[in-house]
Amino acid sequence: MTCIDAKVVVDSYQLSLLIFKISKNFPKHYRPTLGRRLEDGSINLTLFVRVASLASGNNRNSRRILFLEKSSECLDEIRILLQICYDLQIIPICSYGEVSEATSNVGRQIGSFFKSVPIGNTL
């Protein structure tokens, strides 16, 4: 695991914790839908990033690319759901700003991680 790998795993984990803290304050009728989807997305993001960072074996690069793509998809879902929450005034602007900054940071790290994977032997 490189420095890039470790940082994105830690930061995605911190993003998950932040999302759980924010979603516990959701109104009761949004908790099972938006709250659960955000929480599940953040857990999946963290797990996919971790699997990508620990990939080994003959098809290591292809596994990394696969799980980084899945991570990116989870992050996109989280961003859309957060925007919906903000537009519905479920989360305050300060929380939205904090989690938006965290998602941007994790997104940049996933992009850097993706660029660090050699594409010559992906299959």
PDB file of N, CA and C in Angstrom:
ATOM      1  N   MET A   1       0.851  -1.173   0.000  1.00  0.00           N
ATOM      2  CA  MET A   1       0.000   0.000   0.000  1.00  0.00           C
ATOM      3  C   MET A   1       0.895   1.235   0.000  1.00  0.00           C
ATOM      4  N   THR A   2       0.682   2.119  -0.968  1.00  0.00           N
ATOM      5  CA  THR A   2       1.488   3.332  -1.043  1.00  0.00           C
ATOM      6  C   THR A   2       0.865   4.435  -0.193  1.00  0.00           C
ATOM      7  N   CYS A   3       1.547   5.555  -0.152  1.00  0.00           N
ATOM      8  CA  CYS A   3       1.059   6.711   0.597  1.00  0.00           C
ATOM      9  C   CYS A   3      -0.279   7.199   0.041  1.00  0.00           C
ATOM     10  N   ILE A   4      -0.421   7.213  -1.295  1.00  0.00           N
ATOM     11  CA  ILE A   4      -1.678   7.629  -1.930  1.00  0.00           C
ATOM     12  C   ILE A   4      -2.788   6.675  -1.515  1.00  0.00           C
ATOM     13  N   ASP A   5      -2.495   5.380  -1.548  1.00  0.00           N
ATOM     14  CA  ASP A   5      -3.485   4.369  -1.185  1.00  0.00           C
ATOM     15  C   ASP A   5      -3.982   4.590   0.237  1.00  0.00           C
ATOM     16  N   ALA A   6      -3.056   4.720   1.161  1.00  0.00           N
ATOM     17  CA  ALA A   6      -3.414   4.847   2.567  1.00  0.00           C
ATOM     18  C   ALA A   6      -4.215   6.116   2.827  1.00  0.00           C
ATOM     19  N   LYS A   7      -3.840   7.220   2.217  1.00  0.00           N
ATOM     20  CA  LYS A   7      -4.533   8.488   2.455  1.00  0.00           C
ATOM     21  C   LYS A   7      -5.965   8.436   1.957  1.00  0.00           C
ATOM     22  N   VAL A   8      -6.201   7.873   0.782  1.00  0.00           N
ATOM     23  CA  VAL A   8      -7.564   7.826   0.255  1.00  0.00           C
ATOM     24  C   VAL A   8      -8.426   6.876   1.079  1.00  0.00           C
ATOM     25  N   VAL A   9      -7.855   5.815   1.610  1.00  0.00           N
ATOM     26  CA  VAL A   9      -8.615   4.913   2.477  1.00  0.00           C
ATOM     27  C   VAL A   9      -9.018   5.644   3.759  1.00  0.00           C
ATOM     28  N   VAL A  10      -8.081   6.330   4.372  1.00  0.00           N
ATOM     29  CA  VAL A  10      -8.368   7.064   5.607  1.00  0.00           C
ATOM     30  C   VAL A  10      -9.384   8.182   5.348  1.00  0.00           C
ATOM     31  N   ASP A  11      -9.212   8.932   4.280  1.00  0.00           N
ATOM     32  CA  ASP A  11     -10.116  10.044   3.996  1.00  0.00           C
ATOM     33  C   ASP A  11     -11.514   9.572   3.603  1.00  0.00           C
ATOM     34  N   SER A  12     -11.624   8.456   2.900  1.00  0.00           N
ATOM     35  CA  SER A  12     -12.957   7.927   2.578  1.00  0.00           C
ATOM     36  C   SER A  12     -13.637   7.420   3.851  1.00  0.00           C
ATOM     37  N   TYR A  13     -12.857   6.865   4.759  1.00  0.00           N
ATOM     38  CA  TYR A  13     -13.395   6.435   6.051  1.00  0.00           C
ATOM     39  C   TYR A  13     -13.908   7.642   6.843  1.00  0.00           C
ATOM     40  N   GLN A  14     -13.122   8.716   6.855  1.00  0.00           N
ATOM     41  CA  GLN A  14     -13.548   9.934   7.548  1.00  0.00           C
ATOM     42  C   GLN A  14     -14.809  10.522   6.911  1.00  0.00           C
ATOM     43  N   LEU A  15     -14.914  10.454   5.587  1.00  0.00           N
ATOM     44  CA  LEU A  15     -16.120  10.901   4.896  1.00  0.00           C
ATOM     45  C   LEU A  15     -17.319  10.067   5.340  1.00  0.00           C
ATOM     46  N   SER A  16     -17.135   8.769   5.471  1.00  0.00           N
ATOM     47  CA  SER A  16     -18.225   7.902   5.944  1.00  0.00           C
ATOM     48  C   SER A  16     -18.680   8.301   7.342  1.00  0.00           C
ATOM     49  N   LEU A  17     -17.734   8.553   8.222  1.00  0.00           N
ATOM     50  CA  LEU A  17     -18.093   8.980   9.577  1.00  0.00           C
ATOM     51  C   LEU A  17     -18.872  10.288   9.551  1.00  0.00           C
ATOM     52  N   LEU A  18     -18.431  11.214   8.720  1.00  0.00           N
ATOM     53  CA  LEU A  18     -19.109  12.503   8.595  1.00  0.00           C
ATOM     54  C   LEU A  18     -20.538  12.321   8.089  1.00  0.00           C
ATOM     55  N   ILE A  19     -20.712  11.475   7.104  1.00  0.00           N
ATOM     56  CA  ILE A  19     -22.047  11.210   6.557  1.00  0.00           C
ATOM     57  C   ILE A  19     -22.946  10.578   7.620  1.00  0.00           C
ATOM     58  N   PHE A  20     -22.420   9.658   8.399  1.00  0.00           N
ATOM     59  CA  PHE A  20     -23.222   9.046   9.458  1.00  0.00           C
ATOM     60  C   PHE A  20     -23.627  10.089  10.503  1.00  0.00           C
ATOM     61  N   LYS A  21     -22.727  10.998  10.851  1.00  0.00           N
ATOM     62  CA  LYS A  21     -23.059  12.048  11.820  1.00  0.00           C
ATOM     63  C   LYS A  21     -24.141  12.976  11.282  1.00  0.00           C
ATOM     64  N   ILE A  22     -24.051  13.312  10.009  1.00  0.00           N
ATOM     65  CA  ILE A  22     -25.036  14.206   9.397  1.00  0.00           C
ATOM     66  C   ILE A  22     -26.386  13.506   9.265  1.00  0.00           C
ATOM     67  N   SER A  23     -26.379  12.249   8.822  1.00  0.00           N
ATOM     68  CA  SER A  23     -27.641  11.553   8.542  1.00  0.00           C
ATOM     69  C   SER A  23     -28.425  11.209   9.805  1.00  0.00           C
ATOM     70  N   LYS A  24     -27.775  11.142  10.941  1.00  0.00           N
ATOM     71  CA  LYS A  24     -28.522  10.825  12.167  1.00  0.00           C
ATOM     72  C   LYS A  24     -29.463  11.960  12.558  1.00  0.00           C
ATOM     73  N   ASN A  25     -29.249  13.143  12.004  1.00  0.00           N
ATOM     74  CA  ASN A  25     -30.119  14.287  12.289  1.00  0.00           C
ATOM     75  C   ASN A  25     -31.188  14.497  11.222  1.00  0.00           C
ATOM     76  N   PHE A  26     -31.291  13.589  10.273  1.00  0.00           N
ATOM     77  CA  PHE A  26     -32.316  13.706   9.234  1.00  0.00           C
ATOM     78  C   PHE A  26     -33.705  13.574   9.863  1.00  0.00           C
ATOM     79  N   PRO A  27     -34.694  14.254   9.289  1.00  0.00           N
ATOM     80  CA  PRO A  27     -36.071  14.021   9.744  1.00  0.00           C
ATOM     81  C   PRO A  27     -36.434  12.547   9.570  1.00  0.00           C
ATOM     82  N   LYS A  28     -37.310  12.082  10.411  1.00  0.00           N
ATOM     83  CA  LYS A  28     -37.647  10.654  10.462  1.00  0.00           C
ATOM     84  C   LYS A  28     -38.085  10.099   9.110  1.00  0.00           C
ATOM     85  N   HIS A  29     -38.840  10.852   8.343  1.00  0.00           N
ATOM     86  CA  HIS A  29     -39.351  10.326   7.076  1.00  0.00           C
ATOM     87  C   HIS A  29     -38.305  10.306   5.959  1.00  0.00           C
ATOM     88  N   TYR A  30     -37.166  10.983   6.131  1.00  0.00           N
ATOM     89  CA  TYR A  30     -36.084  10.915   5.138  1.00  0.00           C
ATOM     90  C   TYR A  30     -35.000   9.914   5.521  1.00  0.00           C
ATOM     91  N   ARG A  31     -35.007   9.502   6.758  1.00  0.00           N
ATOM     92  CA  ARG A  31     -33.951   8.623   7.265  1.00  0.00           C
ATOM     93  C   ARG A  31     -33.885   7.279   6.515  1.00  0.00           C
ATOM     94  N   PRO A  32     -35.034   6.581   6.300  1.00  0.00           N
ATOM     95  CA  PRO A  32     -34.927   5.280   5.630  1.00  0.00           C
ATOM     96  C   PRO A  32     -34.590   5.374   4.145  1.00  0.00           C
ATOM     97  N   THR A  33     -34.807   6.506   3.530  1.00  0.00           N
ATOM     98  CA  THR A  33     -34.527   6.617   2.091  1.00  0.00           C
ATOM     99  C   THR A  33     -33.191   7.305   1.870  1.00  0.00           C
ATOM    100  N   LEU A  34     -33.154   8.603   2.011  1.00  0.00           N
ATOM    101  CA  LEU A  34     -31.919   9.345   1.735  1.00  0.00           C
ATOM    102  C   LEU A  34     -30.815   9.008   2.732  1.00  0.00           C
ATOM    103  N   GLY A  35     -31.163   8.915   3.991  1.00  0.00           N
ATOM    104  CA  GLY A  35     -30.152   8.609   5.014  1.00  0.00           C
ATOM    105  C   GLY A  35     -29.497   7.264   4.782  1.00  0.00           C
ATOM    106  N   ARG A  36     -30.317   6.256   4.542  1.00  0.00           N
ATOM    107  CA  ARG A  36     -29.789   4.905   4.334  1.00  0.00           C
ATOM    108  C   ARG A  36     -28.944   4.827   3.064  1.00  0.00           C
ATOM    109  N   ARG A  37     -29.423   5.455   1.985  1.00  0.00           N
ATOM    110  CA  ARG A  37     -28.665   5.419   0.716  1.00  0.00           C
ATOM    111  C   ARG A  37     -27.312   6.103   0.882  1.00  0.00           C
ATOM    112  N   LEU A  38     -27.279   7.237   1.583  1.00  0.00           N
ATOM    113  CA  LEU A  38     -26.010   7.925   1.822  1.00  0.00           C
ATOM    114  C   LEU A  38     -25.069   7.057   2.651  1.00  0.00           C
ATOM    115  N   GLU A  39     -25.593   6.465   3.698  1.00  0.00           N
ATOM    116  CA  GLU A  39     -24.771   5.632   4.564  1.00  0.00           C
ATOM    117  C   GLU A  39     -24.228   4.418   3.812  1.00  0.00           C
ATOM    118  N   ASP A  40     -25.106   3.739   3.075  1.00  0.00           N
ATOM    119  CA  ASP A  40     -24.669   2.578   2.305  1.00  0.00           C
ATOM    120  C   ASP A  40     -23.628   2.970   1.255  1.00  0.00           C
ATOM    121  N   GLY A  41     -23.852   4.096   0.577  1.00  0.00           N
ATOM    122  CA  GLY A  41     -22.896   4.562  -0.430  1.00  0.00           C
ATOM    123  C   GLY A  41     -21.540   4.869   0.173  1.00  0.00           C
ATOM    124  N   SER A  42     -21.546   5.482   1.349  1.00  0.00           N
ATOM    125  CA  SER A  42     -20.268   5.823   1.978  1.00  0.00           C
ATOM    126  C   SER A  42     -19.518   4.580   2.448  1.00  0.00           C
ATOM    127  N   ILE A  43     -20.261   3.589   2.940  1.00  0.00           N
ATOM    128  CA  ILE A  43     -19.617   2.329   3.342  1.00  0.00           C
ATOM    129  C   ILE A  43     -19.035   1.636   2.118  1.00  0.00           C
ATOM    130  N   ASN A  44     -19.813   1.554   1.039  1.00  0.00           N
ATOM    131  CA  ASN A  44     -19.317   0.924  -0.189  1.00  0.00           C
ATOM    132  C   ASN A  44     -18.098   1.642  -0.729  1.00  0.00           C
ATOM    133  N   LEU A  45     -18.125   2.970  -0.707  1.00  0.00           N
ATOM    134  CA  LEU A  45     -16.977   3.758  -1.164  1.00  0.00           C
ATOM    135  C   LEU A  45     -15.730   3.362  -0.388  1.00  0.00           C
ATOM    136  N   THR A  46     -15.826   3.349   0.911  1.00  0.00           N
ATOM    137  CA  THR A  46     -14.672   3.025   1.755  1.00  0.00           C
ATOM    138  C   THR A  46     -14.169   1.611   1.497  1.00  0.00           C
ATOM    139  N   LEU A  47     -15.096   0.661   1.377  1.00  0.00           N
ATOM    140  CA  LEU A  47     -14.686  -0.726   1.139  1.00  0.00           C
ATOM    141  C   LEU A  47     -14.064  -0.909  -0.238  1.00  0.00           C
ATOM    142  N   PHE A  48     -14.633  -0.279  -1.267  1.00  0.00           N
ATOM    143  CA  PHE A  48     -14.069  -0.397  -2.614  1.00  0.00           C
ATOM    144  C   PHE A  48     -12.675   0.225  -2.690  1.00  0.00           C
ATOM    145  N   VAL A  49     -12.492   1.371  -2.051  1.00  0.00           N
ATOM    146  CA  VAL A  49     -11.169   2.014  -2.049  1.00  0.00           C
ATOM    147  C   VAL A  49     -10.164   1.123  -1.333  1.00  0.00           C
ATOM    148  N   ARG A  50     -10.598   0.518  -0.247  1.00  0.00           N
ATOM    149  CA  ARG A  50      -9.693  -0.365   0.502  1.00  0.00           C
ATOM    150  C   ARG A  50      -9.314  -1.593  -0.328  1.00  0.00           C
ATOM    151  N   VAL A  51     -10.288  -2.198  -0.994  1.00  0.00           N
ATOM    152  CA  VAL A  51      -9.997  -3.367  -1.831  1.00  0.00           C
ATOM    153  C   VAL A  51      -9.040  -2.981  -2.957  1.00  0.00           C
ATOM    154  N   ALA A  52      -9.258  -1.805  -3.556  1.00  0.00           N
ATOM    155  CA  ALA A  52      -8.357  -1.340  -4.622  1.00  0.00           C
ATOM    156  C   ALA A  52      -6.941  -1.166  -4.098  1.00  0.00           C
ATOM    157  N   SER A  53      -6.822  -0.644  -2.889  1.00  0.00           N
ATOM    158  CA  SER A  53      -5.481  -0.402  -2.344  1.00  0.00           C
ATOM    159  C   SER A  53      -4.759  -1.690  -1.960  1.00  0.00           C
ATOM    160  N   LEU A  54      -5.517  -2.737  -1.654  1.00  0.00           N
ATOM    161  CA  LEU A  54      -4.914  -4.000  -1.234  1.00  0.00           C
ATOM    162  C   LEU A  54      -4.822  -5.029  -2.358  1.00  0.00           C
ATOM    163  N   ALA A  55      -5.249  -4.673  -3.554  1.00  0.00           N
ATOM    164  CA  ALA A  55      -5.247  -5.616  -4.682  1.00  0.00           C
ATOM    165  C   ALA A  55      -3.851  -6.180  -4.899  1.00  0.00           C
ATOM    166  N   SER A  56      -3.809  -7.483  -5.141  1.00  0.00           N
ATOM    167  CA  SER A  56      -2.533  -8.145  -5.400  1.00  0.00           C
ATOM    168  C   SER A  56      -2.768  -9.290  -6.374  1.00  0.00           C
ATOM    169  N   GLY A  57      -1.718  -9.920  -6.764  1.00  0.00           N
ATOM    170  CA  GLY A  57      -1.823 -11.068  -7.662  1.00  0.00           C
ATOM    171  C   GLY A  57      -1.561 -10.692  -9.106  1.00  0.00           C
ATOM    172  N   ASN A  58      -1.791 -11.668  -9.996  1.00  0.00           N
ATOM    173  CA  ASN A  58      -1.508 -11.479 -11.418  1.00  0.00           C
ATOM    174  C   ASN A  58      -2.354 -10.396 -12.059  1.00  0.00           C
ATOM    175  N   ASN A  59      -3.610 -10.275 -11.654  1.00  0.00           N
ATOM    176  CA  ASN A  59      -4.505  -9.290 -12.250  1.00  0.00           C
ATOM    177  C   ASN A  59      -4.690  -8.074 -11.343  1.00  0.00           C
ATOM    178  N   ARG A  60      -3.650  -7.730 -10.640  1.00  0.00           N
ATOM    179  CA  ARG A  60      -3.679  -6.645  -9.658  1.00  0.00           C
ATOM    180  C   ARG A  60      -4.164  -5.334 -10.261  1.00  0.00           C
ATOM    181  N   ASN A  61      -3.607  -4.930 -11.409  1.00  0.00           N
ATOM    182  CA  ASN A  61      -3.969  -3.647 -11.997  1.00  0.00           C
ATOM    183  C   ASN A  61      -5.415  -3.628 -12.474  1.00  0.00           C
ATOM    184  N   SER A  62      -5.882  -4.723 -13.049  1.00  0.00           N
ATOM    185  CA  SER A  62      -7.273  -4.755 -13.509  1.00  0.00           C
ATOM    186  C   SER A  62      -8.231  -4.721 -12.322  1.00  0.00           C
ATOM    187  N   ARG A  63      -7.876  -5.384 -11.232  1.00  0.00           N
ATOM    188  CA  ARG A  63      -8.713  -5.324 -10.013  1.00  0.00           C
ATOM    189  C   ARG A  63      -8.724  -3.914  -9.444  1.00  0.00           C
ATOM    190  N   ARG A  64      -7.564  -3.279  -9.425  1.00  0.00           N
ATOM    191  CA  ARG A  64      -7.509  -1.905  -8.927  1.00  0.00           C
ATOM    192  C   ARG A  64      -8.396  -0.993  -9.759  1.00  0.00           C
ATOM    193  N   ILE A  65      -8.291  -1.094 -11.064  1.00  0.00           N
ATOM    194  CA  ILE A  65      -9.099  -0.244 -11.945  1.00  0.00           C
ATOM    195  C   ILE A  65     -10.584  -0.514 -11.716  1.00  0.00           C
ATOM    196  N   LEU A  66     -10.969  -1.775 -11.628  1.00  0.00           N
ATOM    197  CA  LEU A  66     -12.367  -2.131 -11.399  1.00  0.00           C
ATOM    198  C   LEU A  66     -12.892  -1.504 -10.114  1.00  0.00           C
ATOM    199  N   PHE A  67     -12.156  -1.654  -9.031  1.00  0.00           N
ATOM    200  CA  PHE A  67     -12.626  -1.143  -7.750  1.00  0.00           C
ATOM    201  C   PHE A  67     -12.502   0.374  -7.639  1.00  0.00           C
ATOM    202  N   LEU A  68     -11.574   0.962  -8.339  1.00  0.00           N
ATOM    203  CA  LEU A  68     -11.521   2.427  -8.379  1.00  0.00           C
ATOM    204  C   LEU A  68     -12.707   2.985  -9.158  1.00  0.00           C
ATOM    205  N   GLU A  69     -13.099   2.305 -10.227  1.00  0.00           N
ATOM    206  CA  GLU A  69     -14.287   2.726 -10.969  1.00  0.00           C
ATOM    207  C   GLU A  69     -15.537   2.607 -10.100  1.00  0.00           C
ATOM    208  N   LYS A  70     -15.647   1.520  -9.344  1.00  0.00           N
ATOM    209  CA  LYS A  70     -16.776   1.353  -8.436  1.00  0.00           C
ATOM    210  C   LYS A  70     -16.758   2.438  -7.352  1.00  0.00           C
ATOM    211  N   SER A  71     -15.585   2.771  -6.869  1.00  0.00           N
ATOM    212  CA  SER A  71     -15.441   3.831  -5.870  1.00  0.00           C
ATOM    213  C   SER A  71     -15.924   5.160  -6.423  1.00  0.00           C
ATOM    214  N   SER A  72     -15.530   5.443  -7.648  1.00  0.00           N
ATOM    215  CA  SER A  72     -15.935   6.682  -8.297  1.00  0.00           C
ATOM    216  C   SER A  72     -17.451   6.747  -8.477  1.00  0.00           C
ATOM    217  N   GLU A  73     -18.058   5.627  -8.835  1.00  0.00           N
ATOM    218  CA  GLU A  73     -19.515   5.571  -8.975  1.00  0.00           C
ATOM    219  C   GLU A  73     -20.204   5.832  -7.632  1.00  0.00           C
ATOM    220  N   CYS A  74     -19.686   5.253  -6.570  1.00  0.00           N
ATOM    221  CA  CYS A  74     -20.249   5.489  -5.235  1.00  0.00           C
ATOM    222  C   CYS A  74     -20.129   6.958  -4.851  1.00  0.00           C
ATOM    223  N   LEU A  75     -18.989   7.541  -5.148  1.00  0.00           N
ATOM    224  CA  LEU A  75     -18.780   8.943  -4.823  1.00  0.00           C
ATOM    225  C   LEU A  75     -19.746   9.838  -5.594  1.00  0.00           C
ATOM    226  N   ASP A  76     -19.985   9.524  -6.853  1.00  0.00           N
ATOM    227  CA  ASP A  76     -20.957  10.286  -7.639  1.00  0.00           C
ATOM    228  C   ASP A  76     -22.360  10.175  -7.039  1.00  0.00           C
ATOM    229  N   GLU A  77     -22.724   8.971  -6.623  1.00  0.00           N
ATOM    230  CA  GLU A  77     -24.037   8.771  -5.991  1.00  0.00           C
ATOM    231  C   GLU A  77     -24.146   9.592  -4.709  1.00  0.00           C
ATOM    232  N   ILE A  78     -23.100   9.582  -3.905  1.00  0.00           N
ATOM    233  CA  ILE A  78     -23.086  10.350  -2.658  1.00  0.00           C
ATOM    234  C   ILE A  78     -23.272  11.838  -2.950  1.00  0.00           C
ATOM    235  N   ARG A  79     -22.569  12.337  -3.947  1.00  0.00           N
ATOM    236  CA  ARG A  79     -22.683  13.756  -4.300  1.00  0.00           C
ATOM    237  C   ARG A  79     -24.105  14.128  -4.718  1.00  0.00           C
ATOM    238  N   ILE A  80     -24.737  13.288  -5.528  1.00  0.00           N
ATOM    239  CA  ILE A  80     -26.109  13.558  -5.966  1.00  0.00           C
ATOM    240  C   ILE A  80     -27.066  13.538  -4.779  1.00  0.00           C
ATOM    241  N   LEU A  81     -26.936  12.539  -3.927  1.00  0.00           N
ATOM    242  CA  LEU A  81     -27.811  12.443  -2.763  1.00  0.00           C
ATOM    243  C   LEU A  81     -27.618  13.613  -1.804  1.00  0.00           C
ATOM    244  N   LEU A  82     -26.381  14.050  -1.642  1.00  0.00           N
ATOM    245  CA  LEU A  82     -26.120  15.210  -0.785  1.00  0.00           C
ATOM    246  C   LEU A  82     -26.744  16.474  -1.364  1.00  0.00           C
ATOM    247  N   GLN A  83     -26.683  16.618  -2.678  1.00  0.00           N
ATOM    248  CA  GLN A  83     -27.300  17.778  -3.323  1.00  0.00           C
ATOM    249  C   GLN A  83     -28.811  17.768  -3.102  1.00  0.00           C
ATOM    250  N   ILE A  84     -29.425  16.587  -3.229  1.00  0.00           N
ATOM    251  CA  ILE A  84     -30.864  16.471  -2.966  1.00  0.00           C
ATOM    252  C   ILE A  84     -31.172  16.858  -1.522  1.00  0.00           C
ATOM    253  N   CYS A  85     -30.374  16.354  -0.592  1.00  0.00           N
ATOM    254  CA  CYS A  85     -30.573  16.683   0.830  1.00  0.00           C
ATOM    255  C   CYS A  85     -30.458  18.175   1.074  1.00  0.00           C
ATOM    256  N   TYR A  86     -29.492  18.787   0.452  1.00  0.00           N
ATOM    257  CA  TYR A  86     -29.318  20.231   0.616  1.00  0.00           C
ATOM    258  C   TYR A  86     -30.495  20.991   0.006  1.00  0.00           C
ATOM    259  N   ASP A  87     -30.907  20.602  -1.194  1.00  0.00           N
ATOM    260  CA  ASP A  87     -32.020  21.285  -1.856  1.00  0.00           C
ATOM    261  C   ASP A  87     -33.331  21.124  -1.091  1.00  0.00           C
ATOM    262  N   LEU A  88     -33.512  19.996  -0.409  1.00  0.00           N
ATOM    263  CA  LEU A  88     -34.704  19.777   0.414  1.00  0.00           C
ATOM    264  C   LEU A  88     -34.560  20.381   1.806  1.00  0.00           C
ATOM    265  N   GLN A  89     -33.433  21.020   2.058  1.00  0.00           N
ATOM    266  CA  GLN A  89     -33.121  21.673   3.339  1.00  0.00           C
ATOM    267  C   GLN A  89     -33.089  20.675   4.497  1.00  0.00           C
ATOM    268  N   ILE A  90     -32.590  19.491   4.192  1.00  0.00           N
ATOM    269  CA  ILE A  90     -32.433  18.463   5.222  1.00  0.00           C
ATOM    270  C   ILE A  90     -31.127  18.674   5.976  1.00  0.00           C
ATOM    271  N   ILE A  91     -30.112  19.173   5.272  1.00  0.00           N
ATOM    272  CA  ILE A  91     -28.829  19.449   5.922  1.00  0.00           C
ATOM    273  C   ILE A  91     -28.526  20.939   5.807  1.00  0.00           C
ATOM    274  N   PRO A  92     -27.940  21.508   6.847  1.00  0.00           N
ATOM    275  CA  PRO A  92     -27.596  22.940   6.814  1.00  0.00           C
ATOM    276  C   PRO A  92     -26.394  23.198   5.908  1.00  0.00           C
ATOM    277  N   ILE A  93     -26.252  24.435   5.516  1.00  0.00           N
ATOM    278  CA  ILE A  93     -25.186  24.808   4.572  1.00  0.00           C
ATOM    279  C   ILE A  93     -23.800  24.496   5.130  1.00  0.00           C
ATOM    280  N   CYS A  94     -23.602  24.663   6.431  1.00  0.00           N
ATOM    281  CA  CYS A  94     -22.268  24.379   6.994  1.00  0.00           C
ATOM    282  C   CYS A  94     -21.928  22.891   6.872  1.00  0.00           C
ATOM    283  N   SER A  95     -22.890  22.018   7.126  1.00  0.00           N
ATOM    284  CA  SER A  95     -22.658  20.576   6.973  1.00  0.00           C
ATOM    285  C   SER A  95     -22.458  20.221   5.508  1.00  0.00           C
ATOM    286  N   TYR A  96     -23.260  20.839   4.651  1.00  0.00           N
ATOM    287  CA  TYR A  96     -23.139  20.572   3.219  1.00  0.00           C
ATOM    288  C   TYR A  96     -21.759  21.003   2.719  1.00  0.00           C
ATOM    289  N   GLY A  97     -21.278  22.144   3.164  1.00  0.00           N
ATOM    290  CA  GLY A  97     -19.954  22.610   2.764  1.00  0.00           C
ATOM    291  C   GLY A  97     -18.855  21.677   3.229  1.00  0.00           C
ATOM    292  N   GLU A  98     -18.978  21.217   4.451  1.00  0.00           N
ATOM    293  CA  GLU A  98     -17.967  20.317   5.012  1.00  0.00           C
ATOM    294  C   GLU A  98     -17.918  18.986   4.258  1.00  0.00           C
ATOM    295  N   VAL A  99     -19.082  18.406   3.999  1.00  0.00           N
ATOM    296  CA  VAL A  99     -19.113  17.114   3.317  1.00  0.00           C
ATOM    297  C   VAL A  99     -18.785  17.276   1.832  1.00  0.00           C
ATOM    298  N   SER A 100     -19.120  18.407   1.234  1.00  0.00           N
ATOM    299  CA  SER A 100     -18.749  18.660  -0.163  1.00  0.00           C
ATOM    300  C   SER A 100     -17.238  18.759  -0.314  1.00  0.00           C
ATOM    301  N   GLU A 101     -16.610  19.423   0.618  1.00  0.00           N
ATOM    302  CA  GLU A 101     -15.146  19.520   0.600  1.00  0.00           C
ATOM    303  C   GLU A 101     -14.517  18.137   0.748  1.00  0.00           C
ATOM    304  N   ALA A 102     -15.083  17.325   1.636  1.00  0.00           N
ATOM    305  CA  ALA A 102     -14.550  15.975   1.844  1.00  0.00           C
ATOM    306  C   ALA A 102     -14.727  15.113   0.591  1.00  0.00           C
ATOM    307  N   THR A 103     -15.886  15.223  -0.075  1.00  0.00           N
ATOM    308  CA  THR A 103     -16.098  14.424  -1.288  1.00  0.00           C
ATOM    309  C   THR A 103     -15.166  14.876  -2.407  1.00  0.00           C
ATOM    310  N   SER A 104     -14.930  16.176  -2.509  1.00  0.00           N
ATOM    311  CA  SER A 104     -13.994  16.678  -3.523  1.00  0.00           C
ATOM    312  C   SER A 104     -12.587  16.165  -3.268  1.00  0.00           C
ATOM    313  N   ASN A 105     -12.195  16.184  -2.017  1.00  0.00           N
ATOM    314  CA  ASN A 105     -10.868  15.707  -1.633  1.00  0.00           C
ATOM    315  C   ASN A 105     -10.707  14.223  -1.965  1.00  0.00           C
ATOM    316  N   VAL A 106     -11.687  13.410  -1.609  1.00  0.00           N
ATOM    317  CA  VAL A 106     -11.626  11.976  -1.900  1.00  0.00           C
ATOM    318  C   VAL A 106     -11.648  11.755  -3.412  1.00  0.00           C
ATOM    319  N   GLY A 107     -12.445  12.530  -4.131  1.00  0.00           N
ATOM    320  CA  GLY A 107     -12.491  12.408  -5.593  1.00  0.00           C
ATOM    321  C   GLY A 107     -11.146  12.679  -6.243  1.00  0.00           C
ATOM    322  N   ARG A 108     -10.464  13.714  -5.780  1.00  0.00           N
ATOM    323  CA  ARG A 108      -9.120  14.019  -6.309  1.00  0.00           C
ATOM    324  C   ARG A 108      -8.154  12.878  -6.004  1.00  0.00           C
ATOM    325  N   GLN A 109      -8.264  12.323  -4.818  1.00  0.00           N
ATOM    326  CA  GLN A 109      -7.372  11.227  -4.436  1.00  0.00           C
ATOM    327  C   GLN A 109      -7.645   9.961  -5.256  1.00  0.00           C
ATOM    328  N   ILE A 110      -8.915   9.681  -5.507  1.00  0.00           N
ATOM    329  CA  ILE A 110      -9.245   8.529  -6.346  1.00  0.00           C
ATOM    330  C   ILE A 110      -8.688   8.746  -7.749  1.00  0.00           C
ATOM    331  N   GLY A 111      -8.802   9.969  -8.258  1.00  0.00           N
ATOM    332  CA  GLY A 111      -8.237  10.289  -9.572  1.00  0.00           C
ATOM    333  C   GLY A 111      -6.729  10.096  -9.603  1.00  0.00           C
ATOM    334  N   SER A 112      -6.037  10.532  -8.563  1.00  0.00           N
ATOM    335  CA  SER A 112      -4.585  10.349  -8.485  1.00  0.00           C
ATOM    336  C   SER A 112      -4.220   8.875  -8.377  1.00  0.00           C
ATOM    337  N   PHE A 113      -4.990   8.157  -7.598  1.00  0.00           N
ATOM    338  CA  PHE A 113      -4.771   6.717  -7.435  1.00  0.00           C
ATOM    339  C   PHE A 113      -4.959   6.025  -8.784  1.00  0.00           C
ATOM    340  N   PHE A 114      -6.009   6.412  -9.501  1.00  0.00           N
ATOM    341  CA  PHE A 114      -6.299   5.849 -10.820  1.00  0.00           C
ATOM    342  C   PHE A 114      -5.123   6.101 -11.773  1.00  0.00           C
ATOM    343  N   LYS A 115      -4.579   7.319 -11.768  1.00  0.00           N
ATOM    344  CA  LYS A 115      -3.460   7.662 -12.652  1.00  0.00           C
ATOM    345  C   LYS A 115      -2.198   6.907 -12.282  1.00  0.00           C
ATOM    346  N   SER A 116      -2.084   6.495 -11.036  1.00  0.00           N
ATOM    347  CA  SER A 116      -0.865   5.788 -10.594  1.00  0.00           C
ATOM    348  C   SER A 116      -0.867   4.306 -10.998  1.00  0.00           C
ATOM    349  N   VAL A 117      -2.009   3.815 -11.445  1.00  0.00           N
ATOM    350  CA  VAL A 117      -2.100   2.400 -11.848  1.00  0.00           C
ATOM    351  C   VAL A 117      -1.581   2.266 -13.279  1.00  0.00           C
ATOM    352  N   PRO A 118      -0.543   1.472 -13.496  1.00  0.00           N
ATOM    353  CA  PRO A 118      -0.045   1.257 -14.868  1.00  0.00           C
ATOM    354  C   PRO A 118      -1.111   0.571 -15.718  1.00  0.00           C
ATOM    355  N   ILE A 119      -1.352   1.093 -16.899  1.00  0.00           N
ATOM    356  CA  ILE A 119      -2.411   0.540 -17.728  1.00  0.00           C
ATOM    357  C   ILE A 119      -1.907  -0.478 -18.768  1.00  0.00           C
ATOM    358  N   GLY A 120      -0.642  -0.721 -18.798  1.00  0.00           N
ATOM    359  CA  GLY A 120      -0.084  -1.644 -19.773  1.00  0.00           C
ATOM    360  C   GLY A 120      -0.500  -3.091 -19.529  1.00  0.00           C
ATOM    361  N   ASN A 121      -0.566  -3.523 -18.272  1.00  0.00           N
ATOM    362  CA  ASN A 121      -0.890  -4.915 -17.951  1.00  0.00           C
ATOM    363  C   ASN A 121      -2.163  -4.999 -17.129  1.00  0.00           C
ATOM    364  N   THR A 122      -3.241  -4.450 -17.623  1.00  0.00           N
ATOM    365  CA  THR A 122      -4.479  -4.447 -16.853  1.00  0.00           C
ATOM    366  C   THR A 122      -5.261  -5.729 -16.991  1.00  0.00           C
ATOM    367  N   LEU A 123      -5.008  -6.556 -17.996  1.00  0.00           N
ATOM    368  CA  LEU A 123      -5.801  -7.786 -18.161  1.00  0.00           C
ATOM    369  C   LEU A 123      -5.015  -9.012 -17.844  1.00  0.00           C
TER     370      LEU A 123
END
